[in-house]
C-alpha cells in the first residue's frame, strides 16, 4: 500500500514537472515571437531614423544652404534640358551641361570628340547662340501657375555672321508662331525685313527723339 502511494506521488510529480516544462517551452516560444516582432520594429525604426538623419544632413542647417543648392541644381538641370532642345536647332555642335556639384555651366563639343569645354572658350557668335538657347529654354519652362509668354533680347545680333543671324531669326520666328511675344533691340539692318512690327526711335533736333511704330505686313 505504501509502495503504491509513493509510486502515485512520484507519477504526479513527474506529470507536474512535465507540465511545467511544457509551459516553459510554450512561454519561450511566445517570448521568441515577441522578441522577433520587437527586432523587426527596431529595424523599421532604424530605417526611418536613417532617412531623417539624411534629410537633416541636407536641410538641417539653420540657413538651409544645402537644400537651396539641391533645389537650384534641379531647376537648372530642367532648364538645360529645354535649352539643349533649342540649341540642337541653333547649333548641333554643342550640348550644355551643369558642372557637377555646382551651378556653373560647361559645353560638350560634339565636333571635337565630345570634349568638355568651358563656356568662356566660346566665340562671340557661339556665346550668343548658347545664351539664346538658354533664354528659349527659360521661355519653355511653364507650370499651371506661371507661364513665360514674352521674350526680349537686347542686342548681340551684331556679332553674328549672316548664316548664324539667319538661324537665330528662324528660332525667334518659331517661338513667335507658338504664340509667344518676342521683342528684340538691335541696330542690325538685315533684321528689319524679318520683323513685321517695328518700333523706331528717330533722333530729332534739340535733343528730342520721335517714336514711330510701323507694321510691314
N, C-alpha and C. Protein backbone atom coordinates (compact mmCIF):
# COMPACT_ATOMS: atom_id res chain seq x y z
N UNK A 1 0.82 -1.20 0.00
CA UNK A 1 0.00 0.00 0.00
C UNK A 1 0.86 1.25 0.00
N UNK A 2 1.92 1.20 0.82
CA UNK A 2 2.84 2.35 0.91
C UNK A 2 3.55 2.53 -0.42
N UNK A 3 3.94 1.41 -1.04
CA UNK A 3 4.64 1.48 -2.33
C UNK A 3 3.74 2.07 -3.41
N UNK A 4 2.48 1.69 -3.37
CA UNK A 4 1.55 2.23 -4.37
C UNK A 4 1.38 3.74 -4.19
N UNK A 5 1.31 4.17 -2.95
CA UNK A 5 1.15 5.62 -2.68
C UNK A 5 2.37 6.39 -3.14
N UNK A 6 3.55 5.85 -2.85
CA UNK A 6 4.79 6.53 -3.27
C UNK A 6 4.88 6.57 -4.79
N UNK A 7 4.49 5.45 -5.43
CA UNK A 7 4.55 5.41 -6.89
C UNK A 7 3.59 6.44 -7.49
N UNK A 8 2.40 6.54 -6.86
CA UNK A 8 1.44 7.51 -7.35
C UNK A 8 1.93 8.94 -7.17
N UNK A 9 2.56 9.18 -6.00
CA UNK A 9 3.10 10.52 -5.73
C UNK A 9 4.22 10.86 -6.71
N UNK A 10 5.06 9.87 -6.98
CA UNK A 10 6.15 10.08 -7.93
C UNK A 10 5.63 10.37 -9.33
N UNK A 11 4.59 9.63 -9.69
CA UNK A 11 3.99 9.84 -11.02
C UNK A 11 3.41 11.23 -11.15
N UNK A 12 2.75 11.66 -10.07
CA UNK A 12 2.16 13.01 -10.08
C UNK A 12 3.25 14.08 -10.17
N UNK A 13 4.36 13.83 -9.48
CA UNK A 13 5.48 14.78 -9.53
C UNK A 13 6.06 14.88 -10.93
N UNK A 14 6.19 13.70 -11.55
CA UNK A 14 6.70 13.72 -12.93
C UNK A 14 5.76 14.48 -13.87
N UNK A 15 4.47 14.26 -13.64
CA UNK A 15 3.49 14.92 -14.51
C UNK A 15 3.53 16.44 -14.33
N UNK A 16 3.66 16.85 -13.03
CA UNK A 16 3.75 18.30 -12.78
C UNK A 16 5.00 18.89 -13.43
N UNK A 17 6.12 18.14 -13.30
CA UNK A 17 7.38 18.62 -13.90
C UNK A 17 7.25 18.72 -15.41
N UNK A 18 6.60 17.69 -16.00
CA UNK A 18 6.41 17.69 -17.46
C UNK A 18 5.51 18.85 -17.88
N UNK A 19 4.46 19.08 -17.10
CA UNK A 19 3.56 20.20 -17.41
C UNK A 19 4.28 21.54 -17.31
N UNK A 20 5.13 21.65 -16.27
CA UNK A 20 5.87 22.91 -16.10
C UNK A 20 6.88 23.12 -17.22
N UNK A 21 7.53 22.02 -17.62
CA UNK A 21 8.49 22.13 -18.74
C UNK A 21 7.76 22.54 -20.02
N UNK A 22 6.60 21.93 -20.26
CA UNK A 22 5.82 22.27 -21.46
C UNK A 22 5.38 23.74 -21.42
N UNK A 23 5.00 24.18 -20.19
CA UNK A 23 4.60 25.59 -20.03
C UNK A 23 5.76 26.53 -20.33
N UNK A 24 6.95 26.17 -19.81
CA UNK A 24 8.14 26.99 -20.03
C UNK A 24 8.51 27.03 -21.51
N UNK A 25 8.40 25.86 -22.18
CA UNK A 25 8.70 25.83 -23.62
C UNK A 25 7.73 26.73 -24.39
N UNK A 26 6.45 26.66 -24.02
CA UNK A 26 5.45 27.49 -24.69
C UNK A 26 5.71 28.97 -24.46
N UNK A 27 6.10 29.29 -23.21
CA UNK A 27 6.41 30.68 -22.89
C UNK A 27 7.63 31.17 -23.67
N UNK A 28 8.64 30.28 -23.77
CA UNK A 28 9.84 30.63 -24.53
C UNK A 28 9.50 30.93 -25.99
N UNK A 29 8.62 30.12 -26.55
CA UNK A 29 8.21 30.35 -27.94
C UNK A 29 7.48 31.69 -28.08
N UNK A 30 6.64 31.97 -27.07
CA UNK A 30 5.93 33.26 -27.08
C UNK A 30 6.91 34.42 -26.98
N UNK A 31 7.89 34.30 -26.08
CA UNK A 31 8.90 35.35 -25.91
C UNK A 31 9.71 35.53 -27.19
N UNK A 32 10.03 34.41 -27.86
CA UNK A 32 10.81 34.49 -29.10
C UNK A 32 10.02 35.26 -30.18
N UNK A 33 8.73 34.97 -30.27
CA UNK A 33 7.90 35.69 -31.24
C UNK A 33 7.85 37.18 -30.91
N UNK A 34 7.71 37.48 -29.60
CA UNK A 34 7.66 38.89 -29.19
C UNK A 34 8.98 39.59 -29.48
N UNK A 35 10.08 38.89 -29.21
CA UNK A 35 11.40 39.46 -29.48
C UNK A 35 11.59 39.66 -30.98
N UNK A 36 11.12 38.66 -31.78
CA UNK A 36 11.23 38.78 -33.23
C UNK A 36 10.46 39.99 -33.75
N UNK A 37 9.25 40.18 -33.25
CA UNK A 37 8.44 41.34 -33.64
C UNK A 37 9.11 42.64 -33.22
N UNK A 38 9.69 42.62 -31.99
CA UNK A 38 10.37 43.81 -31.49
C UNK A 38 11.59 44.14 -32.35
N UNK A 39 12.35 43.11 -32.75
CA UNK A 39 13.52 43.34 -33.60
C UNK A 39 13.11 43.91 -34.96
N UNK A 40 12.02 43.39 -35.52
CA UNK A 40 11.53 43.92 -36.79
C UNK A 40 11.12 45.38 -36.66
N UNK A 41 10.45 45.68 -35.54
CA UNK A 41 10.04 47.06 -35.28
C UNK A 41 11.25 47.97 -35.14
N UNK A 42 12.29 47.47 -34.46
CA UNK A 42 13.52 48.25 -34.28
C UNK A 42 14.19 48.51 -35.63
N UNK A 43 14.21 47.48 -36.49
CA UNK A 43 14.81 47.63 -37.82
C UNK A 43 14.06 48.67 -38.65
N UNK A 44 12.72 48.64 -38.59
CA UNK A 44 11.92 49.63 -39.32
C UNK A 44 12.18 51.03 -38.81
N UNK A 45 12.24 51.17 -37.49
CA UNK A 45 12.52 52.48 -36.90
C UNK A 45 13.92 52.96 -37.25
N UNK A 46 14.86 52.02 -37.34
CA UNK A 46 16.23 52.38 -37.70
C UNK A 46 16.29 52.96 -39.11
N UNK A 47 15.49 52.38 -40.03
CA UNK A 47 15.42 52.90 -41.40
C UNK A 47 14.84 54.31 -41.40
N UNK A 48 13.78 54.50 -40.62
CA UNK A 48 13.16 55.83 -40.54
C UNK A 48 14.13 56.85 -39.96
N UNK A 49 14.83 56.46 -38.90
CA UNK A 49 15.81 57.36 -38.27
C UNK A 49 16.92 57.70 -39.27
N UNK A 50 17.35 56.70 -40.04
CA UNK A 50 18.41 56.94 -41.03
C UNK A 50 17.94 57.92 -42.10
N UNK A 51 16.69 57.75 -42.55
CA UNK A 51 16.15 58.67 -43.56
C UNK A 51 16.06 60.09 -43.01
N UNK A 52 15.60 60.22 -41.77
CA UNK A 52 15.52 61.55 -41.16
C UNK A 52 16.91 62.15 -40.97
N UNK A 53 17.88 61.31 -40.66
CA UNK A 53 19.25 61.79 -40.49
C UNK A 53 19.79 62.33 -41.82
N UNK A 54 19.49 61.61 -42.91
CA UNK A 54 19.93 62.08 -44.24
C UNK A 54 19.25 63.39 -44.59
N UNK A 55 17.94 63.47 -44.32
CA UNK A 55 17.21 64.70 -44.60
C UNK A 55 17.73 65.85 -43.75
N UNK A 56 18.03 65.56 -42.49
CA UNK A 56 18.58 66.59 -41.61
C UNK A 56 19.95 67.05 -42.08
N UNK A 57 20.72 66.13 -42.65
CA UNK A 57 22.04 66.49 -43.17
C UNK A 57 21.92 67.42 -44.36
N UNK A 58 20.81 67.26 -45.11
CA UNK A 58 20.62 68.09 -46.30
C UNK A 58 20.09 69.47 -45.95
N UNK A 59 19.03 69.51 -45.13
CA UNK A 59 18.37 70.80 -44.86
C UNK A 59 18.42 71.17 -43.38
N UNK A 60 19.23 70.46 -42.62
CA UNK A 60 19.23 70.68 -41.17
C UNK A 60 19.89 71.98 -40.74
N UNK A 61 20.70 72.59 -41.63
CA UNK A 61 21.37 73.82 -41.24
C UNK A 61 20.36 74.95 -41.10
N UNK A 62 20.69 75.91 -40.27
CA UNK A 62 19.75 76.99 -39.98
C UNK A 62 19.40 77.79 -41.23
N UNK A 63 20.37 78.00 -42.13
CA UNK A 63 20.11 78.81 -43.32
C UNK A 63 19.59 78.00 -44.50
N UNK A 64 19.56 76.68 -44.37
CA UNK A 64 19.03 75.83 -45.45
C UNK A 64 19.86 75.90 -46.72
N UNK A 65 21.16 76.12 -46.61
CA UNK A 65 22.01 76.30 -47.78
C UNK A 65 22.06 75.05 -48.66
N UNK A 66 22.20 73.89 -48.03
CA UNK A 66 22.30 72.66 -48.81
C UNK A 66 21.01 72.40 -49.58
N UNK A 67 19.86 72.65 -48.95
CA UNK A 67 18.58 72.42 -49.61
C UNK A 67 18.42 73.36 -50.79
N UNK A 68 18.80 74.61 -50.62
CA UNK A 68 18.71 75.58 -51.71
C UNK A 68 19.59 75.15 -52.88
N UNK A 69 20.79 74.65 -52.55
CA UNK A 69 21.70 74.20 -53.59
C UNK A 69 21.09 73.06 -54.40
N UNK A 70 20.49 72.10 -53.70
CA UNK A 70 19.86 70.96 -54.39
C UNK A 70 18.70 71.43 -55.25
N UNK A 71 17.86 72.32 -54.71
CA UNK A 71 16.71 72.83 -55.46
C UNK A 71 17.16 73.60 -56.69
N UNK A 72 18.21 74.42 -56.53
CA UNK A 72 18.72 75.20 -57.65
C UNK A 72 19.35 74.30 -58.71
N UNK A 73 20.06 73.27 -58.28
CA UNK A 73 20.67 72.34 -59.24
C UNK A 73 19.59 71.61 -60.03
N UNK A 74 18.53 71.21 -59.34
CA UNK A 74 17.44 70.51 -60.03
C UNK A 74 16.77 71.43 -61.05
N UNK A 75 16.49 72.67 -60.65
CA UNK A 75 15.86 73.63 -61.56
C UNK A 75 16.75 73.91 -62.76
N UNK A 76 18.05 74.06 -62.52
CA UNK A 76 18.99 74.31 -63.62
C UNK A 76 19.04 73.12 -64.57
N UNK A 77 18.99 71.91 -64.04
CA UNK A 77 19.00 70.72 -64.90
C UNK A 77 17.78 70.70 -65.82
N UNK A 78 16.63 71.07 -65.27
CA UNK A 78 15.41 71.12 -66.09
C UNK A 78 15.54 72.20 -67.16
N UNK A 79 16.07 73.36 -66.78
CA UNK A 79 16.27 74.45 -67.74
C UNK A 79 17.21 74.02 -68.86
N UNK A 80 18.30 73.33 -68.51
CA UNK A 80 19.27 72.89 -69.52
C UNK A 80 18.65 71.85 -70.45
N UNK A 81 17.74 71.05 -69.93
CA UNK A 81 17.06 70.07 -70.78
C UNK A 81 16.29 70.78 -71.89
N UNK A 82 15.55 71.83 -71.53
CA UNK A 82 14.82 72.62 -72.52
C UNK A 82 15.78 73.38 -73.44
N UNK A 83 16.81 73.97 -72.84
CA UNK A 83 17.76 74.77 -73.63
C UNK A 83 18.46 73.92 -74.68
N UNK A 84 18.82 72.70 -74.34
CA UNK A 84 19.52 71.83 -75.30
C UNK A 84 18.64 71.44 -76.48
N UNK A 85 17.32 71.39 -76.26
CA UNK A 85 16.41 71.12 -77.38
C UNK A 85 16.51 72.26 -78.39
N UNK A 86 16.51 73.50 -77.91
CA UNK A 86 16.64 74.66 -78.80
C UNK A 86 18.04 74.76 -79.38
N UNK A 87 19.04 74.41 -78.58
CA UNK A 87 20.43 74.51 -79.04
C UNK A 87 20.70 73.55 -80.19
N UNK A 88 20.02 72.40 -80.20
CA UNK A 88 20.20 71.46 -81.30
C UNK A 88 19.73 72.05 -82.62
N UNK A 89 18.80 72.99 -82.56
CA UNK A 89 18.34 73.67 -83.76
C UNK A 89 19.30 74.80 -84.13
N UNK A 90 19.77 75.51 -83.13
CA UNK A 90 20.66 76.65 -83.37
C UNK A 90 22.07 76.20 -83.75
N UNK A 91 22.59 75.21 -83.05
CA UNK A 91 23.95 74.73 -83.30
C UNK A 91 24.06 73.29 -82.80
N UNK A 92 24.12 72.35 -83.74
CA UNK A 92 24.18 70.93 -83.37
C UNK A 92 25.53 70.55 -82.78
N UNK A 93 26.46 71.50 -82.76
CA UNK A 93 27.81 71.17 -82.31
C UNK A 93 27.91 71.05 -80.79
N UNK A 94 27.07 71.80 -80.06
CA UNK A 94 27.26 71.90 -78.61
C UNK A 94 26.08 71.32 -77.82
N UNK A 95 26.39 70.84 -76.63
CA UNK A 95 25.39 70.42 -75.64
C UNK A 95 25.77 71.07 -74.32
N UNK A 96 24.81 71.71 -73.69
CA UNK A 96 25.06 72.38 -72.40
C UNK A 96 24.96 71.39 -71.26
N UNK A 97 25.85 71.53 -70.29
CA UNK A 97 25.83 70.69 -69.09
C UNK A 97 26.06 71.56 -67.86
N UNK A 98 25.57 71.05 -66.74
CA UNK A 98 25.88 71.68 -65.45
C UNK A 98 27.15 71.05 -64.90
N UNK A 99 28.07 71.87 -64.44
CA UNK A 99 29.28 71.34 -63.83
C UNK A 99 28.88 70.61 -62.55
N UNK A 100 29.22 69.31 -62.42
CA UNK A 100 28.79 68.53 -61.25
C UNK A 100 29.14 69.21 -59.93
N UNK A 101 28.16 69.23 -59.02
CA UNK A 101 28.38 69.81 -57.71
C UNK A 101 28.36 71.32 -57.65
N UNK A 102 27.93 71.96 -58.74
CA UNK A 102 27.91 73.43 -58.77
C UNK A 102 26.76 73.90 -59.66
N UNK A 103 26.64 75.22 -59.75
CA UNK A 103 25.64 75.82 -60.63
C UNK A 103 26.29 76.42 -61.86
N UNK A 104 27.56 76.08 -62.10
CA UNK A 104 28.28 76.55 -63.27
C UNK A 104 27.92 75.74 -64.51
N UNK A 105 28.21 76.31 -65.68
CA UNK A 105 27.88 75.65 -66.94
C UNK A 105 29.15 75.30 -67.72
N UNK A 106 29.04 74.24 -68.49
CA UNK A 106 30.09 73.84 -69.41
C UNK A 106 29.43 73.32 -70.68
N UNK A 107 30.20 73.21 -71.76
CA UNK A 107 29.64 72.73 -73.02
C UNK A 107 30.40 71.50 -73.48
N UNK A 108 29.67 70.59 -74.12
CA UNK A 108 30.29 69.42 -74.73
C UNK A 108 30.40 69.70 -76.22
N UNK A 109 31.61 69.67 -76.75
CA UNK A 109 31.87 69.95 -78.16
C UNK A 109 31.79 68.64 -78.93
N UNK A 110 30.67 68.41 -79.60
CA UNK A 110 30.46 67.16 -80.33
C UNK A 110 31.37 67.02 -81.54
N UNK A 111 31.83 68.16 -82.08
CA UNK A 111 32.73 68.12 -83.24
C UNK A 111 34.17 67.85 -82.84
N UNK A 112 34.45 67.87 -81.54
CA UNK A 112 35.80 67.64 -81.04
C UNK A 112 35.85 66.40 -80.16
N UNK A 113 35.13 65.35 -80.58
CA UNK A 113 35.14 64.10 -79.83
C UNK A 113 34.54 64.21 -78.45
N UNK A 114 33.45 64.99 -78.33
CA UNK A 114 32.75 65.18 -77.05
C UNK A 114 33.65 65.80 -75.98
N UNK A 115 34.54 66.66 -76.42
CA UNK A 115 35.42 67.36 -75.47
C UNK A 115 34.60 68.32 -74.61
N UNK A 116 34.86 68.32 -73.32
CA UNK A 116 34.17 69.23 -72.40
C UNK A 116 34.94 70.55 -72.34
N UNK A 117 34.24 71.63 -72.63
CA UNK A 117 34.88 72.95 -72.68
C UNK A 117 34.18 73.92 -71.73
N UNK A 118 34.93 74.91 -71.31
CA UNK A 118 34.33 75.98 -70.53
C UNK A 118 33.55 76.89 -71.46
N UNK A 119 32.48 77.50 -70.94
CA UNK A 119 31.67 78.40 -71.76
C UNK A 119 32.46 79.64 -72.16
N UNK A 120 33.52 79.94 -71.42
CA UNK A 120 34.32 81.12 -71.72
C UNK A 120 35.20 80.91 -72.96
N UNK A 121 35.28 79.67 -73.44
CA UNK A 121 36.08 79.40 -74.63
C UNK A 121 35.29 79.59 -75.92
N UNK A 122 33.99 79.88 -75.80
CA UNK A 122 33.15 80.07 -76.98
C UNK A 122 33.40 81.43 -77.62
N UNK A 123 33.23 81.49 -78.91
CA UNK A 123 33.37 82.76 -79.62
C UNK A 123 32.16 83.64 -79.34
N UNK A 124 32.21 84.87 -79.84
CA UNK A 124 31.10 85.79 -79.61
C UNK A 124 29.79 85.27 -80.19
N UNK A 125 29.85 84.77 -81.43
CA UNK A 125 28.66 84.24 -82.07
C UNK A 125 28.15 82.99 -81.37
N UNK A 126 29.07 82.11 -80.95
CA UNK A 126 28.68 80.89 -80.24
C UNK A 126 28.06 81.22 -78.88
N UNK A 127 28.64 82.17 -78.19
CA UNK A 127 28.10 82.59 -76.90
C UNK A 127 26.69 83.13 -77.04
N UNK A 128 26.47 83.87 -78.14
CA UNK A 128 25.13 84.41 -78.37
C UNK A 128 24.12 83.29 -78.58
N UNK A 129 24.48 82.28 -79.38
CA UNK A 129 23.57 81.17 -79.64
C UNK A 129 23.27 80.39 -78.37
N UNK A 130 24.29 80.19 -77.52
CA UNK A 130 24.09 79.48 -76.26
C UNK A 130 23.18 80.30 -75.35
N UNK A 131 23.42 81.60 -75.30
CA UNK A 131 22.57 82.47 -74.47
C UNK A 131 21.14 82.47 -74.98
N UNK A 132 20.99 82.49 -76.30
CA UNK A 132 19.65 82.45 -76.88
C UNK A 132 18.95 81.14 -76.55
N UNK A 133 19.69 80.03 -76.61
CA UNK A 133 19.12 78.72 -76.27
C UNK A 133 18.65 78.71 -74.81
N UNK A 134 19.45 79.31 -73.92
CA UNK A 134 19.05 79.39 -72.51
C UNK A 134 17.80 80.24 -72.34
N UNK A 135 17.74 81.35 -73.09
CA UNK A 135 16.56 82.21 -73.00
C UNK A 135 15.32 81.49 -73.53
N UNK A 136 15.48 80.76 -74.63
CA UNK A 136 14.37 80.00 -75.18
C UNK A 136 13.96 78.86 -74.23
N UNK A 137 14.97 78.27 -73.59
CA UNK A 137 14.68 77.23 -72.60
C UNK A 137 13.89 77.77 -71.43
N UNK A 138 14.24 78.97 -70.99
CA UNK A 138 13.51 79.61 -69.90
C UNK A 138 12.07 79.90 -70.33
N UNK A 139 11.89 80.29 -71.60
CA UNK A 139 10.54 80.56 -72.10
C UNK A 139 9.72 79.28 -72.17
N UNK A 140 10.39 78.15 -72.30
CA UNK A 140 9.68 76.86 -72.38
C UNK A 140 9.25 76.36 -71.01
N UNK A 141 9.88 76.87 -69.96
CA UNK A 141 9.52 76.46 -68.61
C UNK A 141 8.16 77.06 -68.25
N UNK A 142 7.24 76.22 -67.90
CA UNK A 142 5.91 76.73 -67.53
C UNK A 142 5.27 75.78 -66.53
N UNK A 143 4.31 76.27 -65.84
CA UNK A 143 3.53 75.46 -64.90
C UNK A 143 2.12 75.98 -64.90
N UNK A 144 1.29 75.40 -64.07
CA UNK A 144 -0.10 75.84 -64.00
C UNK A 144 -0.23 77.24 -63.42
N UNK A 145 0.79 77.68 -62.68
CA UNK A 145 0.71 79.00 -62.03
C UNK A 145 1.48 80.07 -62.79
N UNK A 146 2.43 79.65 -63.59
CA UNK A 146 3.27 80.65 -64.26
C UNK A 146 3.59 80.18 -65.67
N UNK A 147 3.57 81.10 -66.61
CA UNK A 147 3.95 80.78 -67.98
C UNK A 147 4.70 81.97 -68.56
N UNK A 148 5.87 81.71 -69.09
CA UNK A 148 6.67 82.77 -69.71
C UNK A 148 6.16 82.97 -71.12
N UNK A 149 5.53 84.10 -71.39
CA UNK A 149 4.94 84.34 -72.70
C UNK A 149 5.68 85.40 -73.50
N UNK A 150 6.61 86.11 -72.88
CA UNK A 150 7.32 87.18 -73.57
C UNK A 150 8.83 86.98 -73.45
N UNK A 151 9.54 87.33 -74.51
CA UNK A 151 10.99 87.21 -74.54
C UNK A 151 11.55 88.46 -75.19
N UNK A 152 12.45 89.15 -74.48
CA UNK A 152 13.07 90.36 -75.00
C UNK A 152 14.58 90.18 -75.05
N UNK A 153 15.16 90.49 -76.19
CA UNK A 153 16.61 90.32 -76.38
C UNK A 153 17.21 91.67 -76.72
N UNK A 154 18.20 92.09 -75.97
CA UNK A 154 18.85 93.38 -76.15
C UNK A 154 20.19 93.17 -76.85
N UNK A 155 20.22 93.52 -78.14
CA UNK A 155 21.45 93.46 -78.94
C UNK A 155 22.09 92.07 -78.99
N UNK A 156 23.34 92.01 -79.42
CA UNK A 156 24.03 90.74 -79.56
C UNK A 156 24.03 90.25 -80.99
N UNK A 157 23.06 90.70 -81.80
CA UNK A 157 22.95 90.23 -83.17
C UNK A 157 24.08 90.74 -84.05
N UNK A 158 24.66 91.84 -83.67
CA UNK A 158 25.75 92.41 -84.47
C UNK A 158 26.99 91.53 -84.50
N UNK A 159 27.13 90.59 -83.56
CA UNK A 159 28.30 89.71 -83.50
C UNK A 159 28.15 88.48 -84.39
N UNK A 160 26.98 88.34 -85.04
CA UNK A 160 26.70 87.14 -85.82
C UNK A 160 27.00 87.34 -87.29
N UNK A 161 27.50 86.28 -87.92
CA UNK A 161 27.66 86.30 -89.37
C UNK A 161 26.29 86.07 -89.99
N UNK A 162 26.13 86.33 -91.31
CA UNK A 162 24.81 86.21 -91.95
C UNK A 162 24.14 84.86 -91.75
N UNK A 163 24.88 83.76 -91.81
CA UNK A 163 24.29 82.42 -91.66
C UNK A 163 23.76 82.23 -90.24
N UNK A 164 24.59 82.59 -89.25
CA UNK A 164 24.18 82.44 -87.85
C UNK A 164 23.03 83.35 -87.52
N UNK A 165 23.04 84.56 -88.08
CA UNK A 165 21.94 85.51 -87.86
C UNK A 165 20.63 84.93 -88.39
N UNK A 166 20.70 84.30 -89.56
CA UNK A 166 19.51 83.70 -90.15
C UNK A 166 18.97 82.56 -89.27
N UNK A 167 19.89 81.75 -88.71
CA UNK A 167 19.49 80.65 -87.81
C UNK A 167 18.79 81.20 -86.57
N UNK A 168 19.37 82.28 -86.01
CA UNK A 168 18.79 82.87 -84.80
C UNK A 168 17.41 83.46 -85.08
N UNK A 169 17.26 84.11 -86.23
CA UNK A 169 15.96 84.70 -86.57
C UNK A 169 14.91 83.61 -86.81
N UNK A 170 15.33 82.49 -87.42
CA UNK A 170 14.40 81.37 -87.63
C UNK A 170 13.87 80.86 -86.28
N UNK A 171 14.77 80.75 -85.31
CA UNK A 171 14.38 80.27 -83.99
C UNK A 171 13.39 81.22 -83.33
N UNK A 172 13.63 82.52 -83.45
CA UNK A 172 12.73 83.51 -82.85
C UNK A 172 11.38 83.51 -83.55
N UNK A 173 11.38 83.30 -84.86
CA UNK A 173 10.11 83.25 -85.58
C UNK A 173 9.29 82.03 -85.17
N UNK A 174 9.97 80.89 -84.94
CA UNK A 174 9.25 79.70 -84.49
C UNK A 174 8.62 79.94 -83.12
N UNK A 175 9.36 80.64 -82.26
CA UNK A 175 8.83 80.95 -80.93
C UNK A 175 7.62 81.87 -81.04
N UNK A 176 7.69 82.83 -81.95
CA UNK A 176 6.58 83.76 -82.18
C UNK A 176 5.36 83.02 -82.71
N UNK A 177 5.59 82.06 -83.60
CA UNK A 177 4.48 81.28 -84.17
C UNK A 177 3.83 80.37 -83.14
N UNK A 178 4.53 80.10 -82.04
CA UNK A 178 3.97 79.29 -80.96
C UNK A 178 3.08 80.11 -80.03
N UNK A 179 2.96 81.41 -80.33
CA UNK A 179 2.07 82.25 -79.55
C UNK A 179 2.77 83.12 -78.52
N UNK A 180 4.09 83.13 -78.51
CA UNK A 180 4.82 83.95 -77.55
C UNK A 180 5.22 85.28 -78.19
N UNK A 181 5.31 86.29 -77.35
CA UNK A 181 5.73 87.61 -77.81
C UNK A 181 7.25 87.69 -77.76
N UNK A 182 7.84 88.10 -78.87
CA UNK A 182 9.29 88.20 -78.95
C UNK A 182 9.66 89.62 -79.33
N UNK A 183 10.46 90.25 -78.49
CA UNK A 183 10.93 91.60 -78.79
C UNK A 183 12.45 91.65 -78.83
N UNK A 184 13.01 92.34 -79.81
CA UNK A 184 14.47 92.46 -79.93
C UNK A 184 14.84 93.93 -80.06
N UNK A 185 15.98 94.27 -79.48
CA UNK A 185 16.54 95.61 -79.61
C UNK A 185 17.84 95.48 -80.39
N UNK A 186 17.90 96.05 -81.58
CA UNK A 186 19.08 95.86 -82.41
C UNK A 186 19.20 96.97 -83.44
N UNK A 187 20.44 97.16 -83.90
CA UNK A 187 20.71 98.12 -84.97
C UNK A 187 21.07 97.41 -86.27
N UNK A 188 20.95 96.09 -86.29
CA UNK A 188 21.33 95.32 -87.48
C UNK A 188 20.27 95.51 -88.56
N UNK A 189 20.66 96.10 -89.68
CA UNK A 189 19.73 96.43 -90.74
C UNK A 189 19.11 95.19 -91.38
N UNK A 190 19.89 94.09 -91.44
CA UNK A 190 19.39 92.87 -92.09
C UNK A 190 18.17 92.27 -91.38
N UNK A 191 17.95 92.65 -90.14
CA UNK A 191 16.85 92.08 -89.36
C UNK A 191 15.51 92.75 -89.67
N UNK A 192 15.54 93.94 -90.25
CA UNK A 192 14.30 94.69 -90.43
C UNK A 192 13.31 93.98 -91.36
N UNK A 193 13.84 93.22 -92.32
CA UNK A 193 12.95 92.51 -93.25
C UNK A 193 12.26 91.32 -92.59
N UNK A 194 12.78 90.85 -91.46
CA UNK A 194 12.23 89.66 -90.79
C UNK A 194 11.31 90.02 -89.63
N UNK A 195 11.28 91.30 -89.26
CA UNK A 195 10.47 91.72 -88.10
C UNK A 195 9.30 92.55 -88.60
N UNK A 196 8.06 92.02 -88.51
CA UNK A 196 6.90 92.73 -89.07
C UNK A 196 6.54 94.02 -88.34
N UNK A 197 6.51 93.98 -87.01
CA UNK A 197 6.15 95.16 -86.23
C UNK A 197 7.41 95.76 -85.65
N UNK A 198 7.67 97.03 -85.97
CA UNK A 198 8.92 97.67 -85.55
C UNK A 198 8.63 98.99 -84.84
N UNK A 199 9.39 99.23 -83.79
CA UNK A 199 9.33 100.50 -83.07
C UNK A 199 10.66 101.21 -83.30
N UNK A 200 10.62 102.29 -84.03
CA UNK A 200 11.84 103.02 -84.35
C UNK A 200 11.93 104.30 -83.54
N UNK A 201 13.11 104.57 -83.05
CA UNK A 201 13.36 105.80 -82.31
C UNK A 201 14.25 106.69 -83.18
N UNK A 202 13.68 107.76 -83.70
CA UNK A 202 14.41 108.66 -84.60
C UNK A 202 14.84 109.92 -83.85
N UNK A 203 16.10 110.21 -83.96
CA UNK A 203 16.65 111.38 -83.28
C UNK A 203 16.22 112.65 -83.98
N UNK A 204 15.73 113.62 -83.20
CA UNK A 204 15.30 114.91 -83.73
C UNK A 204 16.27 116.00 -83.26
N UNK A 205 15.98 117.19 -83.65
CA UNK A 205 16.80 118.32 -83.22
C UNK A 205 16.52 118.66 -81.76
N UNK A 206 17.42 119.41 -81.18
CA UNK A 206 17.30 119.90 -79.80
C UNK A 206 17.23 118.76 -78.79
N UNK A 207 17.91 117.66 -79.09
CA UNK A 207 17.98 116.55 -78.16
C UNK A 207 16.70 115.76 -78.01
N UNK A 208 15.75 115.94 -78.90
CA UNK A 208 14.49 115.22 -78.82
C UNK A 208 14.52 114.00 -79.74
N UNK A 209 13.63 113.08 -79.47
CA UNK A 209 13.51 111.87 -80.29
C UNK A 209 12.05 111.62 -80.60
N UNK A 210 11.81 110.94 -81.72
CA UNK A 210 10.46 110.63 -82.14
C UNK A 210 10.30 109.12 -82.27
N UNK A 211 9.23 108.61 -81.66
CA UNK A 211 8.97 107.18 -81.72
C UNK A 211 7.98 106.88 -82.84
N UNK A 212 8.31 105.94 -83.68
CA UNK A 212 7.45 105.59 -84.81
C UNK A 212 7.22 104.07 -84.81
N UNK A 213 5.95 103.67 -84.88
CA UNK A 213 5.58 102.25 -84.92
C UNK A 213 5.14 101.91 -86.34
N UNK A 214 5.77 100.93 -86.93
CA UNK A 214 5.43 100.51 -88.29
C UNK A 214 5.12 99.03 -88.33
N UNK A 215 4.26 98.65 -89.25
CA UNK A 215 3.90 97.25 -89.48
C UNK A 215 4.04 96.96 -90.95
N UNK A 216 4.99 96.12 -91.32
CA UNK A 216 5.27 95.89 -92.74
C UNK A 216 4.39 94.81 -93.34
N UNK A 217 3.49 94.23 -92.52
CA UNK A 217 2.59 93.20 -93.06
C UNK A 217 1.45 93.89 -93.83
